Amino acid sequence: MVITVFCTKLQDIPLDEVPPFVHQSLRLCTHQDNKYLLEALRKYFTLRFLQTESTDTFESIGKKTKAIILNLFV
């Protein structure tokens, strides 16, 4: 159950913090929880990919993502 809560918060995590998040989450996962985490990661990267342009870098994608999230809550 903890993993499902973490997965709902994944969209709020900056791109450079995703690898440590995944590493720690996998340590908490049972076999069934891995499915939730993998699905949340798929959604996370699908959203990020749709927001990119061909000239974007990881840094610019992260900045755009942060701006979009901030605008959602304003």
PDB file of N, CA and C in Angstrom:
ATOM      1  N   MET A   1       0.801  -1.197   0.000  1.00  0.00           N
ATOM      2  CA  MET A   1       0.000   0.000   0.000  1.00  0.00           C
ATOM      3  C   MET A   1       0.852   1.272   0.000  1.00  0.00           C
ATOM      4  N   VAL A   2       1.981   1.236   0.635  1.00  0.00           N
ATOM      5  CA  VAL A   2       2.863   2.405   0.667  1.00  0.00           C
ATOM      6  C   VAL A   2       3.302   2.760  -0.747  1.00  0.00           C
ATOM      7  N   ILE A   3       3.570   1.761  -1.550  1.00  0.00           N
ATOM      8  CA  ILE A   3       4.036   1.987  -2.918  1.00  0.00           C
ATOM      9  C   ILE A   3       2.962   2.696  -3.739  1.00  0.00           C
ATOM     10  N   THR A   4       1.706   2.366  -3.550  1.00  0.00           N
ATOM     11  CA  THR A   4       0.659   3.038  -4.320  1.00  0.00           C
ATOM     12  C   THR A   4       0.607   4.527  -3.991  1.00  0.00           C
ATOM     13  N   VAL A   5       0.842   4.888  -2.746  1.00  0.00           N
ATOM     14  CA  VAL A   5       0.885   6.306  -2.367  1.00  0.00           C
ATOM     15  C   VAL A   5       2.105   6.969  -3.009  1.00  0.00           C
ATOM     16  N   PHE A   6       3.245   6.310  -2.945  1.00  0.00           N
ATOM     17  CA  PHE A   6       4.456   6.849  -3.571  1.00  0.00           C
ATOM     18  C   PHE A   6       4.236   7.058  -5.069  1.00  0.00           C
ATOM     19  N   CYS A   7       3.589   6.099  -5.707  1.00  0.00           N
ATOM     20  CA  CYS A   7       3.383   6.181  -7.147  1.00  0.00           C
ATOM     21  C   CYS A   7       2.493   7.356  -7.525  1.00  0.00           C
ATOM     22  N   THR A   8       1.535   7.701  -6.672  1.00  0.00           N
ATOM     23  CA  THR A   8       0.687   8.856  -6.968  1.00  0.00           C
ATOM     24  C   THR A   8       1.469  10.159  -6.865  1.00  0.00           C
ATOM     25  N   LYS A   9       2.528  10.174  -6.096  1.00  0.00           N
ATOM     26  CA  LYS A   9       3.354  11.373  -5.932  1.00  0.00           C
ATOM     27  C   LYS A   9       4.495  11.441  -6.939  1.00  0.00           C
ATOM     28  N   LEU A  10       4.678  10.415  -7.727  1.00  0.00           N
ATOM     29  CA  LEU A  10       5.795  10.350  -8.672  1.00  0.00           C
ATOM     30  C   LEU A  10       5.796  11.522  -9.647  1.00  0.00           C
ATOM     31  N   GLN A  11       4.630  11.953 -10.112  1.00  0.00           N
ATOM     32  CA  GLN A  11       4.565  13.043 -11.084  1.00  0.00           C
ATOM     33  C   GLN A  11       5.125  14.350 -10.541  1.00  0.00           C
ATOM     34  N   ASP A  12       5.214  14.475  -9.227  1.00  0.00           N
ATOM     35  CA  ASP A  12       5.739  15.690  -8.598  1.00  0.00           C
ATOM     36  C   ASP A  12       7.258  15.683  -8.449  1.00  0.00           C
ATOM     37  N   ILE A  13       7.882  14.567  -8.756  1.00  0.00           N
ATOM     38  CA  ILE A  13       9.319  14.420  -8.537  1.00  0.00           C
ATOM     39  C   ILE A  13      10.097  14.929  -9.745  1.00  0.00           C
ATOM     40  N   PRO A  14      11.119  15.757  -9.517  1.00  0.00           N
ATOM     41  CA  PRO A  14      11.958  16.211 -10.641  1.00  0.00           C
ATOM     42  C   PRO A  14      12.678  15.025 -11.293  1.00  0.00           C
ATOM     43  N   LEU A  15      12.975  15.185 -12.557  1.00  0.00           N
ATOM     44  CA  LEU A  15      13.586  14.119 -13.342  1.00  0.00           C
ATOM     45  C   LEU A  15      14.869  13.580 -12.717  1.00  0.00           C
ATOM     46  N   ASP A  16      15.702  14.450 -12.177  1.00  0.00           N
ATOM     47  CA  ASP A  16      16.976  13.989 -11.625  1.00  0.00           C
ATOM     48  C   ASP A  16      16.818  13.229 -10.306  1.00  0.00           C
ATOM     49  N   GLU A  17      15.634  13.267  -9.703  1.00  0.00           N
ATOM     50  CA  GLU A  17      15.399  12.532  -8.466  1.00  0.00           C
ATOM     51  C   GLU A  17      14.675  11.205  -8.686  1.00  0.00           C
ATOM     52  N   VAL A  18      14.322  10.917  -9.920  1.00  0.00           N
ATOM     53  CA  VAL A  18      13.595   9.672 -10.210  1.00  0.00           C
ATOM     54  C   VAL A  18      14.446   8.431  -9.952  1.00  0.00           C
ATOM     55  N   PRO A  19      15.718   8.370 -10.402  1.00  0.00           N
ATOM     56  CA  PRO A  19      16.490   7.145 -10.139  1.00  0.00           C
ATOM     57  C   PRO A  19      16.609   6.782  -8.645  1.00  0.00           C
ATOM     58  N   PRO A  20      16.933   7.734  -7.745  1.00  0.00           N
ATOM     59  CA  PRO A  20      16.974   7.347  -6.331  1.00  0.00           C
ATOM     60  C   PRO A  20      15.595   6.943  -5.796  1.00  0.00           C
ATOM     61  N   PHE A  21      14.550   7.621  -6.288  1.00  0.00           N
ATOM     62  CA  PHE A  21      13.193   7.258  -5.875  1.00  0.00           C
ATOM     63  C   PHE A  21      12.876   5.814  -6.264  1.00  0.00           C
ATOM     64  N   VAL A  22      13.205   5.464  -7.497  1.00  0.00           N
ATOM     65  CA  VAL A  22      12.926   4.107  -7.975  1.00  0.00           C
ATOM     66  C   VAL A  22      13.733   3.085  -7.182  1.00  0.00           C
ATOM     67  N   HIS A  23      14.997   3.394  -6.942  1.00  0.00           N
ATOM     68  CA  HIS A  23      15.848   2.476  -6.186  1.00  0.00           C
ATOM     69  C   HIS A  23      15.260   2.198  -4.796  1.00  0.00           C
ATOM     70  N   GLN A  24      14.889   3.253  -4.099  1.00  0.00           N
ATOM     71  CA  GLN A  24      14.325   3.078  -2.752  1.00  0.00           C
ATOM     72  C   GLN A  24      12.956   2.401  -2.804  1.00  0.00           C
ATOM     73  N   SER A  25      12.156   2.742  -3.799  1.00  0.00           N
ATOM     74  CA  SER A  25      10.828   2.137  -3.913  1.00  0.00           C
ATOM     75  C   SER A  25      10.916   0.654  -4.196  1.00  0.00           C
ATOM     76  N   LEU A  26      11.842   0.256  -5.048  1.00  0.00           N
ATOM     77  CA  LEU A  26      11.995  -1.168  -5.349  1.00  0.00           C
ATOM     78  C   LEU A  26      12.379  -1.978  -4.117  1.00  0.00           C
ATOM     79  N   ARG A  27      13.103  -1.354  -3.227  1.00  0.00           N
ATOM     80  CA  ARG A  27      13.471  -2.060  -1.999  1.00  0.00           C
ATOM     81  C   ARG A  27      12.259  -2.307  -1.105  1.00  0.00           C
ATOM     82  N   LEU A  28      11.221  -1.466  -1.250  1.00  0.00           N
ATOM     83  CA  LEU A  28      10.006  -1.622  -0.456  1.00  0.00           C
ATOM     84  C   LEU A  28       8.964  -2.514  -1.122  1.00  0.00           C
ATOM     85  N   CYS A  29       9.137  -2.774  -2.397  1.00  0.00           N
ATOM     86  CA  CYS A  29       8.117  -3.478  -3.182  1.00  0.00           C
ATOM     87  C   CYS A  29       8.055  -4.965  -2.886  1.00  0.00           C
ATOM     88  N   THR A  30       6.834  -5.444  -2.882  1.00  0.00           N
ATOM     89  CA  THR A  30       6.623  -6.874  -2.995  1.00  0.00           C
ATOM     90  C   THR A  30       6.490  -7.155  -4.493  1.00  0.00           C
ATOM     91  N   HIS A  31       6.321  -8.402  -4.845  1.00  0.00           N
ATOM     92  CA  HIS A  31       6.221  -8.753  -6.269  1.00  0.00           C
ATOM     93  C   HIS A  31       5.060  -8.020  -6.943  1.00  0.00           C
ATOM     94  N   GLN A  32       3.901  -7.976  -6.312  1.00  0.00           N
ATOM     95  CA  GLN A  32       2.734  -7.315  -6.898  1.00  0.00           C
ATOM     96  C   GLN A  32       2.915  -5.806  -6.978  1.00  0.00           C
ATOM     97  N   ASP A  33       3.588  -5.197  -6.000  1.00  0.00           N
ATOM     98  CA  ASP A  33       3.781  -3.748  -5.986  1.00  0.00           C
ATOM     99  C   ASP A  33       4.663  -3.271  -7.136  1.00  0.00           C
ATOM    100  N   ASN A  34       5.516  -4.131  -7.637  1.00  0.00           N
ATOM    101  CA  ASN A  34       6.360  -3.752  -8.773  1.00  0.00           C
ATOM    102  C   ASN A  34       5.514  -3.304  -9.960  1.00  0.00           C
ATOM    103  N   LYS A  35       4.366  -3.913 -10.127  1.00  0.00           N
ATOM    104  CA  LYS A  35       3.484  -3.550 -11.237  1.00  0.00           C
ATOM    105  C   LYS A  35       3.018  -2.098 -11.113  1.00  0.00           C
ATOM    106  N   TYR A  36       2.669  -1.680  -9.900  1.00  0.00           N
ATOM    107  CA  TYR A  36       2.239  -0.295  -9.680  1.00  0.00           C
ATOM    108  C   TYR A  36       3.366   0.676  -9.998  1.00  0.00           C
ATOM    109  N   LEU A  37       4.551   0.339  -9.547  1.00  0.00           N
ATOM    110  CA  LEU A  37       5.701   1.208  -9.770  1.00  0.00           C
ATOM    111  C   LEU A  37       6.033   1.303 -11.261  1.00  0.00           C
ATOM    112  N   LEU A  38       6.042   0.184 -11.946  1.00  0.00           N
ATOM    113  CA  LEU A  38       6.343   0.201 -13.377  1.00  0.00           C
ATOM    114  C   LEU A  38       5.292   0.979 -14.169  1.00  0.00           C
ATOM    115  N   GLU A  39       4.051   0.853 -13.793  1.00  0.00           N
ATOM    116  CA  GLU A  39       2.987   1.602 -14.474  1.00  0.00           C
ATOM    117  C   GLU A  39       3.125   3.103 -14.195  1.00  0.00           C
ATOM    118  N   ALA A  40       3.453   3.462 -12.970  1.00  0.00           N
ATOM    119  CA  ALA A  40       3.655   4.873 -12.628  1.00  0.00           C
ATOM    120  C   ALA A  40       4.849   5.448 -13.388  1.00  0.00           C
ATOM    121  N   LEU A  41       5.905   4.674 -13.540  1.00  0.00           N
ATOM    122  CA  LEU A  41       7.067   5.128 -14.311  1.00  0.00           C
ATOM    123  C   LEU A  41       6.720   5.283 -15.788  1.00  0.00           C
ATOM    124  N   ARG A  42       5.932   4.372 -16.310  1.00  0.00           N
ATOM    125  CA  ARG A  42       5.511   4.480 -17.711  1.00  0.00           C
ATOM    126  C   ARG A  42       4.739   5.775 -17.930  1.00  0.00           C
ATOM    127  N   LYS A  43       3.810   6.071 -17.033  1.00  0.00           N
ATOM    128  CA  LYS A  43       3.030   7.300 -17.142  1.00  0.00           C
ATOM    129  C   LYS A  43       3.921   8.531 -16.994  1.00  0.00           C
ATOM    130  N   TYR A  44       4.857   8.472 -16.056  1.00  0.00           N
ATOM    131  CA  TYR A  44       5.767   9.592 -15.806  1.00  0.00           C
ATOM    132  C   TYR A  44       6.554   9.937 -17.068  1.00  0.00           C
ATOM    133  N   PHE A  45       7.183   8.931 -17.664  1.00  0.00           N
ATOM    134  CA  PHE A  45       8.025   9.188 -18.832  1.00  0.00           C
ATOM    135  C   PHE A  45       7.207   9.453 -20.097  1.00  0.00           C
ATOM    136  N   THR A  46       6.014   8.901 -20.186  1.00  0.00           N
ATOM    137  CA  THR A  46       5.141   9.227 -21.314  1.00  0.00           C
ATOM    138  C   THR A  46       4.771  10.699 -21.267  1.00  0.00           C
ATOM    139  N   LEU A  47       4.402  11.184 -20.099  1.00  0.00           N
ATOM    140  CA  LEU A  47       4.078  12.607 -19.947  1.00  0.00           C
ATOM    141  C   LEU A  47       5.272  13.480 -20.273  1.00  0.00           C
ATOM    142  N   ARG A  48       6.442  13.113 -19.776  1.00  0.00           N
ATOM    143  CA  ARG A  48       7.651  13.904 -20.045  1.00  0.00           C
ATOM    144  C   ARG A  48       8.003  13.890 -21.539  1.00  0.00           C
ATOM    145  N   PHE A  49       7.843  12.745 -22.174  1.00  0.00           N
ATOM    146  CA  PHE A  49       8.149  12.644 -23.598  1.00  0.00           C
ATOM    147  C   PHE A  49       7.205  13.517 -24.426  1.00  0.00           C
ATOM    148  N   LEU A  50       5.934  13.522 -24.057  1.00  0.00           N
ATOM    149  CA  LEU A  50       4.966  14.322 -24.804  1.00  0.00           C
ATOM    150  C   LEU A  50       5.225  15.818 -24.658  1.00  0.00           C
ATOM    151  N   GLN A  51       5.918  16.207 -23.598  1.00  0.00           N
ATOM    152  CA  GLN A  51       6.196  17.612 -23.342  1.00  0.00           C
ATOM    153  C   GLN A  51       7.506  18.078 -23.966  1.00  0.00           C
ATOM    154  N   THR A  52       8.225  17.190 -24.609  1.00  0.00           N
ATOM    155  CA  THR A  52       9.543  17.540 -25.133  1.00  0.00           C
ATOM    156  C   THR A  52       9.493  17.999 -26.577  1.00  0.00           C
ATOM    157  N   GLU A  53      10.549  18.662 -26.969  1.00  0.00           N
ATOM    158  CA  GLU A  53      10.796  19.000 -28.362  1.00  0.00           C
ATOM    159  C   GLU A  53      12.095  18.307 -28.742  1.00  0.00           C
ATOM    160  N   SER A  54      12.393  18.207 -29.996  1.00  0.00           N
ATOM    161  CA  SER A  54      13.565  17.457 -30.437  1.00  0.00           C
ATOM    162  C   SER A  54      14.871  18.065 -29.944  1.00  0.00           C
ATOM    163  N   THR A  55      14.889  19.333 -29.603  1.00  0.00           N
ATOM    164  CA  THR A  55      16.124  19.985 -29.155  1.00  0.00           C
ATOM    165  C   THR A  55      16.252  20.030 -27.637  1.00  0.00           C
ATOM    166  N   ASP A  56      15.298  19.457 -26.912  1.00  0.00           N
ATOM    167  CA  ASP A  56      15.331  19.498 -25.451  1.00  0.00           C
ATOM    168  C   ASP A  56      16.440  18.620 -24.874  1.00  0.00           C
ATOM    169  N   THR A  57      16.943  19.040 -23.715  1.00  0.00           N
ATOM    170  CA  THR A  57      17.890  18.255 -22.943  1.00  0.00           C
ATOM    171  C   THR A  57      17.183  17.794 -21.675  1.00  0.00           C
ATOM    172  N   PHE A  58      17.811  16.925 -20.901  1.00  0.00           N
ATOM    173  CA  PHE A  58      17.223  16.490 -19.636  1.00  0.00           C
ATOM    174  C   PHE A  58      16.942  17.675 -18.723  1.00  0.00           C
ATOM    175  N   GLU A  59      17.863  18.645 -18.699  1.00  0.00           N
ATOM    176  CA  GLU A  59      17.696  19.801 -17.833  1.00  0.00           C
ATOM    177  C   GLU A  59      16.501  20.640 -18.256  1.00  0.00           C
ATOM    178  N   SER A  60      16.356  20.880 -19.552  1.00  0.00           N
ATOM    179  CA  SER A  60      15.236  21.701 -20.012  1.00  0.00           C
ATOM    180  C   SER A  60      13.904  20.985 -19.813  1.00  0.00           C
ATOM    181  N   ILE A  61      13.906  19.665 -19.953  1.00  0.00           N
ATOM    182  CA  ILE A  61      12.686  18.894 -19.708  1.00  0.00           C
ATOM    183  C   ILE A  61      12.291  19.025 -18.245  1.00  0.00           C
ATOM    184  N   GLY A  62      13.276  18.924 -17.352  1.00  0.00           N
ATOM    185  CA  GLY A  62      12.999  19.063 -15.924  1.00  0.00           C
ATOM    186  C   GLY A  62      12.442  20.430 -15.580  1.00  0.00           C
ATOM    187  N   LYS A  63      12.981  21.489 -16.181  1.00  0.00           N
ATOM    188  CA  LYS A  63      12.496  22.843 -15.925  1.00  0.00           C
ATOM    189  C   LYS A  63      11.066  23.016 -16.442  1.00  0.00           C
ATOM    190  N   LYS A  64      10.794  22.494 -17.632  1.00  0.00           N
ATOM    191  CA  LYS A  64       9.445  22.593 -18.186  1.00  0.00           C
ATOM    192  C   LYS A  64       8.451  21.842 -17.313  1.00  0.00           C
ATOM    193  N   THR A  65       8.854  20.672 -16.858  1.00  0.00           N
ATOM    194  CA  THR A  65       7.991  19.861 -16.019  1.00  0.00           C
ATOM    195  C   THR A  65       7.646  20.597 -14.740  1.00  0.00           C
ATOM    196  N   LYS A  66       8.647  21.187 -14.116  1.00  0.00           N
ATOM    197  CA  LYS A  66       8.425  21.922 -12.876  1.00  0.00           C
ATOM    198  C   LYS A  66       7.474  23.092 -13.122  1.00  0.00           C
ATOM    199  N   ALA A  67       7.638  23.802 -14.216  1.00  0.00           N
ATOM    200  CA  ALA A  67       6.774  24.936 -14.541  1.00  0.00           C
ATOM    201  C   ALA A  67       5.333  24.475 -14.764  1.00  0.00           C
ATOM    202  N   ILE A  68       5.156  23.364 -15.444  1.00  0.00           N
ATOM    203  CA  ILE A  68       3.813  22.848 -15.703  1.00  0.00           C
ATOM    204  C   ILE A  68       3.131  22.450 -14.392  1.00  0.00           C
ATOM    205  N   ILE A  69       3.862  21.775 -13.526  1.00  0.00           N
ATOM    206  CA  ILE A  69       3.289  21.350 -12.246  1.00  0.00           C
ATOM    207  C   ILE A  69       2.922  22.561 -11.410  1.00  0.00           C
ATOM    208  N   LEU A  70       3.794  23.568 -11.375  1.00  0.00           N
ATOM    209  CA  LEU A  70       3.488  24.774 -10.607  1.00  0.00           C
ATOM    210  C   LEU A  70       2.245  25.467 -11.136  1.00  0.00           C
ATOM    211  N   ASN A  71       2.094  25.511 -12.462  1.00  0.00           N
ATOM    212  CA  ASN A  71       0.916  26.159 -13.053  1.00  0.00           C
ATOM    213  C   ASN A  71      -0.380  25.401 -12.762  1.00  0.00           C
ATOM    214  N   LEU A  72      -0.286  24.105 -12.543  1.00  0.00           N
ATOM    215  CA  LEU A  72      -1.470  23.335 -12.226  1.00  0.00           C
ATOM    216  C   LEU A  72      -2.049  23.707 -10.859  1.00  0.00           C
ATOM    217  N   PHE A  73      -1.178  24.126  -9.953  1.00  0.00           N
ATOM    218  CA  PHE A  73      -1.624  24.402  -8.589  1.00  0.00           C
ATOM    219  C   PHE A  73      -1.781  25.882  -8.298  1.00  0.00           C
ATOM    220  N   VAL A  74      -1.654  26.729  -9.311  1.00  0.00           N
ATOM    221  CA  VAL A  74      -1.813  28.178  -9.106  1.00  0.00           C
ATOM    222  C   VAL A  74      -3.238  28.586  -9.369  1.00  0.00           C
TER     223      VAL A  74
END
